[in-house]
Amino acid sequence: MAGIVPSRRVRGTPFTAGVQAAGAKAYTVYNHMLLASYFESYEADYRHLKEHVQVWDVAVERQVSVKGPDALRLMKMMSPRDMDRMADDQCYYVPICDHNGGMLNDPVAIKLAQDHYWLSLADGDLLQYALGLAIASNMDVEIVEPDVSPLAVQGPKADELMSRVFGDDVRDIRFFRYKRMAFMDTEFVVARSGWSKQGGFEIYVDGTQYGMPLWDALMAAGQDLNVRAGCPNLIERIEGGLLSFGSDMTRENTPVEAGLAKFCNSPEDYIGKSVIEAQKENGPPRQIRPIEISGSGDLPHNATGWSVYADGKNVGLIASATWSPDFNTNVAIGMIDAGYWDAGQELIVNTGAGERSARVKDRFWI
């Protein structure tokens, strides 16, 4: 497969030099930037993540800054969550939808002030959507992409590593809360969050010039902790049911179909509310489910999604699947039609390289 040529359209990150030096073996493009896919191997990276600590370049989680007198008004228009309940130091997982309830992105919102929010994006051009809404509604708000690049520290030794660089106060940060922590001559928003179930932090590095100094400081401080460069791991995130926007759910799906109804509790008249509320009351036509696929780790690569069948008809799609060494089975995330998503339901999956039997699980693995 041909390599990716960096350009102004496909950018590196403030940490790319560290990622390259650590030996990233493959990349994907996410928000027009390079994101490492694995280092040693998916399975070796997975084992290390579960036992030690990793530093992830997730600068691809670009920020949309929403700032000004109408910032909260715009957030309430876009967000199905009750923004009035958001504490000053809180982060919110926020599905954002179109007028039909279709998901456009599922960012994490960070409340910096009553009139200032960051939206930390999944893959998608949400800045233009926010800007369009603000212009059309004549809102007094500034919409920009700031020079802010998240760096994640994930794994069971994350607290120890972070305390060595930022001090013991970092241990007191609660889940999906943040503190401003000093580094060199500046400070960063540091949140207890991240795209793994192993625990850790995301550091919102404000200023490209601080990227490699922070990377180097974490690597130096964690030598005896067996720190390594890492990245979001396919195996671990499927085990934990961490959904990938654009893959496990798309604009064709509502938050209710993605199993995110609990994040849709706003009393405001947000965009897409009528469809979302109807599905909450009556049930969605399809929904995300954990799927166990038969076989012994020899699944083909799933690049375009696999069709799922039952009773001789197509009843869903699996976009994410892989072998789990810890659970000794093929784990998958599927969008399954109503009537076929109950735990224990037997399915057939067309992998493109033959059919496999499968079964709906009652819960994700971790």
Protein backbone atom coordinates (compact mmCIF):
# COMPACT_ATOMS: atom_id res chain seq x y z
CA MET A 1 0.00 0.00 0.00
CA ALA A 2 1.33 3.44 -0.91
CA GLY A 3 2.41 5.80 1.85
CA ILE A 4 0.71 9.03 2.91
CA VAL A 5 2.35 12.24 1.74
CA PRO A 6 2.01 14.98 4.40
CA SER A 7 0.79 18.36 3.17
CA ARG A 8 -1.26 21.30 4.38
CA ARG A 9 -4.31 19.09 3.73
CA VAL A 10 -2.89 16.05 5.58
CA ARG A 11 -0.90 17.49 8.44
CA GLY A 12 1.49 16.12 10.99
CA THR A 13 1.02 17.07 14.65
CA PRO A 14 3.14 18.71 17.36
CA PHE A 15 4.12 15.16 18.42
CA THR A 16 4.78 13.59 15.00
CA ALA A 17 8.56 13.56 15.52
CA GLY A 18 8.11 11.51 18.69
CA VAL A 19 5.63 9.13 17.04
CA GLN A 20 7.96 8.54 14.10
CA ALA A 21 10.98 8.01 16.36
CA ALA A 22 8.95 5.47 18.38
CA GLY A 23 8.43 3.41 15.23
CA ALA A 24 4.78 3.77 14.23
CA LYS A 25 4.18 1.10 11.59
CA ALA A 26 0.97 2.49 10.07
CA TYR A 27 -1.13 5.62 10.03
CA THR A 28 -4.66 6.63 9.20
CA VAL A 29 -5.94 10.11 8.33
CA TYR A 30 -8.32 11.64 10.87
CA ASN A 31 -9.48 15.25 10.74
CA HIS A 32 -6.93 15.87 7.98
CA MET A 33 -4.08 14.81 10.28
CA LEU A 34 -1.93 11.71 10.80
CA LEU A 35 -2.97 9.26 13.52
CA ALA A 36 -0.83 6.21 14.26
CA SER A 37 -2.64 2.86 13.99
CA TYR A 38 -0.13 0.63 15.80
CA PHE A 39 3.52 0.38 16.81
CA GLU A 40 4.79 -3.15 17.54
CA SER A 41 1.52 -4.89 16.60
CA TYR A 42 -2.14 -4.51 17.56
CA GLU A 43 -1.83 -7.39 20.05
CA ALA A 44 1.52 -6.34 21.53
CA ASP A 45 0.32 -2.74 21.92
CA TYR A 46 -2.89 -4.04 23.52
CA ARG A 47 -1.01 -6.10 26.09
CA HIS A 48 1.30 -3.21 26.96
CA LEU A 49 -1.64 -0.80 27.32
CA LYS A 50 -3.34 -3.12 29.81
CA GLU A 51 -0.21 -3.61 31.91
CA HIS A 52 1.83 -0.39 31.78
CA VAL A 53 1.36 3.17 30.45
CA GLN A 54 1.37 4.73 27.01
CA VAL A 55 1.58 8.24 25.58
CA TRP A 56 -0.79 8.78 22.66
CA ASP A 57 -0.62 11.49 20.03
CA VAL A 58 -4.32 12.30 19.66
CA ALA A 59 -3.85 15.81 18.30
CA VAL A 60 -6.28 14.68 15.59
CA GLU A 61 -9.01 15.43 18.15
CA ARG A 62 -9.18 18.99 16.86
CA GLN A 63 -10.86 21.63 18.96
CA VAL A 64 -13.68 23.90 17.89
CA SER A 65 -13.61 26.94 20.16
CA VAL A 66 -17.04 28.49 20.78
CA LYS A 67 -16.55 31.82 22.55
CA GLY A 68 -18.65 34.92 23.14
CA PRO A 69 -21.89 36.18 24.67
CA ASP A 70 -23.96 33.65 22.69
CA ALA A 71 -21.67 30.66 23.28
CA LEU A 72 -24.06 28.89 25.65
CA ARG A 73 -27.01 29.64 23.37
CA LEU A 74 -25.22 27.96 20.46
CA MET A 75 -24.18 25.00 22.59
CA LYS A 76 -27.80 24.50 23.63
CA MET A 77 -28.92 24.60 20.01
CA MET A 78 -26.37 21.96 18.97
CA SER A 79 -26.35 19.78 22.05
CA PRO A 80 -28.98 17.24 23.21
CA ARG A 81 -27.42 17.37 26.70
CA ASP A 82 -28.62 19.73 29.40
CA MET A 83 -25.82 22.28 29.25
CA ASP A 84 -27.15 24.18 32.27
CA ARG A 85 -26.11 21.24 34.48
CA MET A 86 -22.49 21.39 33.33
CA ALA A 87 -20.06 22.28 36.14
CA ASP A 88 -17.27 24.79 35.60
CA ASP A 89 -14.57 22.08 35.53
CA GLN A 90 -16.56 19.47 33.64
CA CYS A 91 -16.25 17.64 30.32
CA TYR A 92 -19.40 16.38 28.56
CA TYR A 93 -19.72 13.68 25.94
CA VAL A 94 -22.03 15.38 23.44
CA PRO A 95 -23.62 13.77 20.37
CA ILE A 96 -24.38 16.49 17.81
CA CYS A 97 -27.08 15.86 15.23
CA ASP A 98 -28.75 17.25 12.11
CA HIS A 99 -32.44 18.14 11.82
CA ASN A 100 -33.34 14.47 11.28
CA GLY A 101 -31.49 13.34 14.41
CA GLY A 102 -28.61 11.93 12.35
CA MET A 103 -25.27 12.13 14.13
CA LEU A 104 -22.76 14.61 12.73
CA ASN A 105 -20.10 14.08 15.40
CA ASP A 106 -19.73 12.98 19.03
CA PRO A 107 -17.22 15.40 20.58
CA VAL A 108 -16.28 15.95 24.19
CA ALA A 109 -17.27 19.46 25.27
CA ILE A 110 -14.98 21.23 27.75
CA LYS A 111 -16.41 24.18 29.63
CA LEU A 112 -13.61 26.74 29.98
CA ALA A 113 -15.91 29.56 31.11
CA GLN A 114 -19.59 30.45 30.98
CA ASP A 115 -18.96 32.04 27.57
CA HIS A 116 -16.25 29.70 26.27
CA TYR A 117 -16.32 26.01 25.29
CA TRP A 118 -14.08 23.66 23.37
CA LEU A 119 -15.53 20.82 21.34
CA SER A 120 -12.93 18.04 21.05
CA LEU A 121 -13.92 16.38 17.81
CA ALA A 122 -14.23 12.93 16.38
CA ASP A 123 -13.46 12.71 12.65
CA GLY A 124 -15.60 15.32 10.89
CA ASP A 125 -15.77 18.96 9.85
CA LEU A 126 -17.99 20.21 12.66
CA LEU A 127 -16.45 23.69 12.68
CA GLN A 128 -18.30 24.59 9.48
CA TYR A 129 -21.60 23.35 10.94
CA ALA A 130 -21.18 25.43 14.11
CA LEU A 131 -20.11 28.45 12.07
CA GLY A 132 -23.11 28.09 9.76
CA LEU A 133 -25.55 27.92 12.67
CA ALA A 134 -23.97 30.96 14.31
CA ILE A 135 -24.10 33.04 11.11
CA ALA A 136 -27.66 31.99 10.23
CA SER A 137 -28.86 32.78 13.76
CA ASN A 138 -26.94 36.07 13.95
CA MET A 139 -25.16 35.00 17.13
CA ASP A 140 -22.46 37.01 18.85
CA VAL A 141 -19.92 34.21 19.02
CA GLU A 142 -16.45 33.44 17.63
CA ILE A 143 -15.92 29.99 16.06
CA VAL A 144 -12.27 29.03 15.45
CA GLU A 145 -9.89 26.08 15.58
CA PRO A 146 -7.33 27.01 18.26
CA ASP A 147 -3.74 25.76 18.36
CA VAL A 148 -4.67 23.06 20.89
CA SER A 149 -3.53 19.46 20.47
CA PRO A 150 -4.51 16.71 22.93
CA LEU A 151 -1.91 14.24 24.19
CA ALA A 152 -3.29 11.21 26.04
CA VAL A 153 -1.64 9.21 28.83
CA GLN A 154 -3.42 5.86 29.19
CA GLY A 155 -2.92 2.67 31.18
CA PRO A 156 -2.84 1.45 34.80
CA LYS A 157 0.33 3.42 35.57
CA ALA A 158 -1.02 6.69 34.15
CA ASP A 159 -1.56 8.36 37.54
CA GLU A 160 2.01 7.69 38.60
CA LEU A 161 3.50 9.01 35.38
CA MET A 162 1.32 12.12 35.35
CA SER A 163 2.12 12.93 38.97
CA ARG A 164 5.84 12.91 38.16
CA VAL A 165 5.36 15.57 35.46
CA PHE A 166 2.47 17.64 36.85
CA GLY A 167 2.57 16.95 40.61
CA ASP A 168 0.36 14.91 42.92
CA ASP A 169 -2.64 17.23 42.46
CA VAL A 170 -3.26 15.51 39.14
CA ARG A 171 -4.36 12.39 41.04
CA ASP A 172 -7.35 14.32 42.47
CA ILE A 173 -8.94 14.99 39.07
CA ARG A 174 -12.27 13.19 38.88
CA PHE A 175 -13.58 11.32 35.84
CA PHE A 176 -14.55 13.71 33.04
CA ARG A 177 -13.40 16.67 35.11
CA TYR A 178 -10.30 18.80 34.56
CA LYS A 179 -7.74 21.01 36.27
CA ARG A 180 -5.34 23.56 34.85
CA MET A 181 -1.86 22.19 35.46
CA ALA A 182 1.45 24.03 35.15
CA PHE A 183 4.09 22.99 32.62
CA MET A 184 7.21 25.03 31.82
CA ASP A 185 6.05 28.66 31.51
CA THR A 186 2.40 27.87 30.79
CA GLU A 187 -0.49 25.68 31.92
CA PHE A 188 -2.70 23.12 30.23
CA VAL A 189 -6.22 21.83 30.71
CA VAL A 190 -5.72 18.26 31.99
CA ALA A 191 -8.79 16.01 32.05
CA ARG A 192 -9.30 12.50 33.39
CA SER A 193 -10.54 11.04 30.13
CA GLY A 194 -9.37 9.14 27.07
CA TRP A 195 -10.39 6.56 24.49
CA SER A 196 -9.57 3.45 26.50
CA LYS A 197 -11.03 1.60 29.49
CA GLN A 198 -7.63 1.39 31.20
CA GLY A 199 -7.85 4.83 32.78
CA GLY A 200 -5.79 7.93 32.19
CA PHE A 201 -5.72 11.55 31.14
CA GLU A 202 -5.91 13.87 28.16
CA ILE A 203 -3.65 16.91 28.17
CA TYR A 204 -4.87 19.76 25.97
CA VAL A 205 -1.54 21.15 24.80
CA ASP A 206 -2.14 24.83 24.06
CA GLY A 207 0.66 25.86 21.70
CA THR A 208 2.51 23.73 19.16
CA GLN A 209 5.88 24.70 20.63
CA TYR A 210 5.14 22.73 23.81
CA GLY A 211 4.39 19.47 21.99
CA MET A 212 7.75 17.74 21.93
CA PRO A 213 8.97 19.15 25.27
CA LEU A 214 5.93 17.56 26.94
CA TRP A 215 6.35 14.32 24.99
CA ASP A 216 10.01 14.12 26.01
CA ALA A 217 9.22 14.95 29.65
CA LEU A 218 6.67 12.13 29.88
CA MET A 219 8.99 9.64 28.23
CA ALA A 220 11.90 10.57 30.51
CA ALA A 221 9.77 10.46 33.67
CA GLY A 222 8.32 7.06 32.81
CA GLN A 223 11.37 5.01 31.91
CA ASP A 224 11.07 2.75 34.96
CA LEU A 225 7.31 2.45 34.34
CA ASN A 226 7.96 0.93 30.90
CA VAL A 227 6.31 3.89 29.18
CA ARG A 228 5.89 3.62 25.41
CA ALA A 229 4.31 5.52 22.57
CA GLY A 230 0.87 4.15 21.79
CA CYS A 231 -2.41 4.98 20.12
CA PRO A 232 -6.08 4.03 20.39
CA ASN A 233 -6.10 0.23 20.22
CA LEU A 234 -8.64 -1.61 18.06
CA ILE A 235 -8.86 -4.67 20.30
CA GLU A 236 -9.21 -2.86 23.62
CA ARG A 237 -11.74 -0.32 22.39
CA ILE A 238 -14.03 -3.01 20.90
CA GLU A 239 -13.83 -5.02 24.14
CA GLY A 240 -14.92 -1.89 26.00
CA GLY A 241 -17.63 -0.86 23.56
CA LEU A 242 -15.99 2.48 22.74
CA LEU A 243 -17.73 3.59 19.57
CA SER A 244 -15.98 5.06 16.55
CA PHE A 245 -17.96 7.80 14.83
CA GLY A 246 -17.95 7.32 11.06
CA SER A 247 -17.58 3.59 11.53
CA ASP A 248 -19.85 2.09 14.20
CA MET A 249 -22.35 4.92 13.75
CA THR A 250 -22.73 7.54 11.03
CA ARG A 251 -25.11 10.30 9.99
CA GLU A 252 -27.55 7.50 9.14
CA ASN A 253 -27.92 6.82 12.87
CA THR A 254 -29.39 8.76 15.78
CA PRO A 255 -27.82 8.84 19.26
CA VAL A 256 -30.61 6.51 20.44
CA GLU A 257 -29.60 3.95 17.83
CA ALA A 258 -26.00 4.33 18.99
CA GLY A 259 -27.02 3.56 22.59
CA LEU A 260 -26.49 7.16 23.68
CA ALA A 261 -30.02 8.10 24.75
CA LYS A 262 -28.82 8.95 28.28
CA PHE A 263 -26.85 11.84 26.79
CA CYS A 264 -30.02 13.34 25.27
CA ASN A 265 -31.69 15.06 28.23
CA SER A 266 -31.88 18.73 27.29
CA PRO A 267 -35.13 20.61 27.98
CA GLU A 268 -34.17 23.04 25.20
CA ASP A 269 -35.40 22.82 21.62
CA TYR A 270 -32.11 21.52 20.21
CA ILE A 271 -31.63 20.47 16.58
CA GLY A 272 -32.98 16.96 15.93
CA LYS A 273 -34.97 16.81 19.18
CA SER A 274 -38.30 15.66 17.71
CA VAL A 275 -36.79 12.56 16.12
CA ILE A 276 -34.62 11.71 19.11
CA GLU A 277 -37.47 12.09 21.61
CA ALA A 278 -39.77 9.96 19.44
CA GLN A 279 -37.17 7.18 19.38
CA LYS A 280 -36.63 7.44 23.13
CA GLU A 281 -40.38 6.98 23.64
CA ASN A 282 -41.13 4.37 20.97
CA GLY A 283 -37.78 2.64 20.52
CA PRO A 284 -35.32 2.92 17.63
CA PRO A 285 -35.43 0.78 14.47
CA ARG A 286 -31.88 -0.48 15.12
CA GLN A 287 -29.29 -0.25 17.88
CA ILE A 288 -25.64 -0.90 18.71
CA ARG A 289 -24.90 -4.32 20.21
CA PRO A 290 -21.83 -6.35 21.21
CA ILE A 291 -21.42 -9.33 18.89
CA GLU A 292 -19.35 -12.49 19.37
CA ILE A 293 -18.22 -14.06 16.08
CA SER A 294 -17.16 -17.68 15.75
CA GLY A 295 -13.63 -18.68 14.73
CA SER A 296 -10.14 -18.53 16.15
CA GLY A 297 -8.66 -15.18 15.29
CA ASP A 298 -8.50 -15.49 11.52
CA LEU A 299 -10.96 -12.75 10.59
CA PRO A 300 -10.19 -10.83 7.40
CA HIS A 301 -9.69 -7.07 7.52
CA ASN A 302 -13.00 -5.24 7.88
CA ALA A 303 -12.63 -2.10 5.76
CA THR A 304 -16.19 -1.48 4.55
CA GLY A 305 -18.47 -3.24 7.04
CA TRP A 306 -19.94 -6.75 7.07
CA SER A 307 -23.60 -7.53 6.47
CA VAL A 308 -25.44 -9.44 9.20
CA TYR A 309 -28.28 -11.89 8.49
CA ALA A 310 -31.01 -13.73 10.35
CA ASP A 311 -34.13 -15.51 9.09
CA GLY A 312 -32.78 -15.13 5.57
CA LYS A 313 -32.70 -11.32 5.57
CA ASN A 314 -30.21 -8.55 6.20
CA VAL A 315 -30.64 -7.35 9.79
CA GLY A 316 -27.56 -5.26 10.46
CA LEU A 317 -23.97 -4.24 9.88
CA ILE A 318 -20.71 -4.89 11.72
CA ALA A 319 -18.12 -2.15 11.19
CA SER A 320 -15.60 -3.13 13.91
CA ALA A 321 -14.35 -6.65 14.66
CA THR A 322 -11.14 -8.34 15.80
CA TRP A 323 -9.71 -11.19 17.86
CA SER A 324 -9.54 -10.67 21.65
CA PRO A 325 -6.62 -12.50 23.28
CA ASP A 326 -8.00 -11.97 26.79
CA PHE A 327 -11.48 -13.26 26.03
CA ASN A 328 -10.39 -15.89 23.49
CA THR A 329 -13.04 -14.94 20.95
CA ASN A 330 -13.74 -12.62 18.02
CA VAL A 331 -15.29 -9.43 19.42
CA ALA A 332 -17.37 -7.01 17.37
CA ILE A 333 -19.66 -3.99 17.48
CA GLY A 334 -22.78 -4.21 15.32
CA MET A 335 -25.76 -2.02 14.45
CA ILE A 336 -28.60 -4.55 14.63
CA ASP A 337 -32.28 -4.21 13.64
CA ALA A 338 -35.08 -4.29 16.20
CA GLY A 339 -36.31 -7.82 16.77
CA TYR A 340 -32.81 -9.26 16.34
CA TRP A 341 -30.75 -7.48 18.98
CA ASP A 342 -31.72 -9.46 22.11
CA ALA A 343 -28.90 -11.23 23.96
CA GLY A 344 -28.47 -14.77 22.66
CA GLN A 345 -29.83 -14.00 19.17
CA GLU A 346 -28.05 -16.15 16.60
CA LEU A 347 -26.77 -14.35 13.50
CA ILE A 348 -24.78 -14.99 10.33
CA VAL A 349 -22.02 -12.56 9.36
CA ASN A 350 -20.77 -12.25 5.78
CA THR A 351 -17.11 -11.30 6.22
CA GLY A 352 -16.44 -11.05 2.48
CA ALA A 353 -14.24 -14.14 2.86
CA GLY A 354 -17.00 -16.52 3.93
CA GLU A 355 -19.84 -16.63 6.40
CA ARG A 356 -19.44 -16.92 10.18
CA SER A 357 -21.97 -17.71 12.86
CA ALA A 358 -22.34 -15.04 15.52
CA ARG A 359 -24.32 -14.25 18.64
CA VAL A 360 -25.54 -11.09 20.33
CA LYS A 361 -23.99 -10.60 23.78
CA ASP A 362 -25.75 -9.08 26.79
CA ARG A 363 -22.86 -6.67 27.52
CA PHE A 364 -19.48 -5.58 26.25
CA TRP A 365 -16.47 -7.46 27.53
CA ILE A 366 -14.91 -4.74 29.70
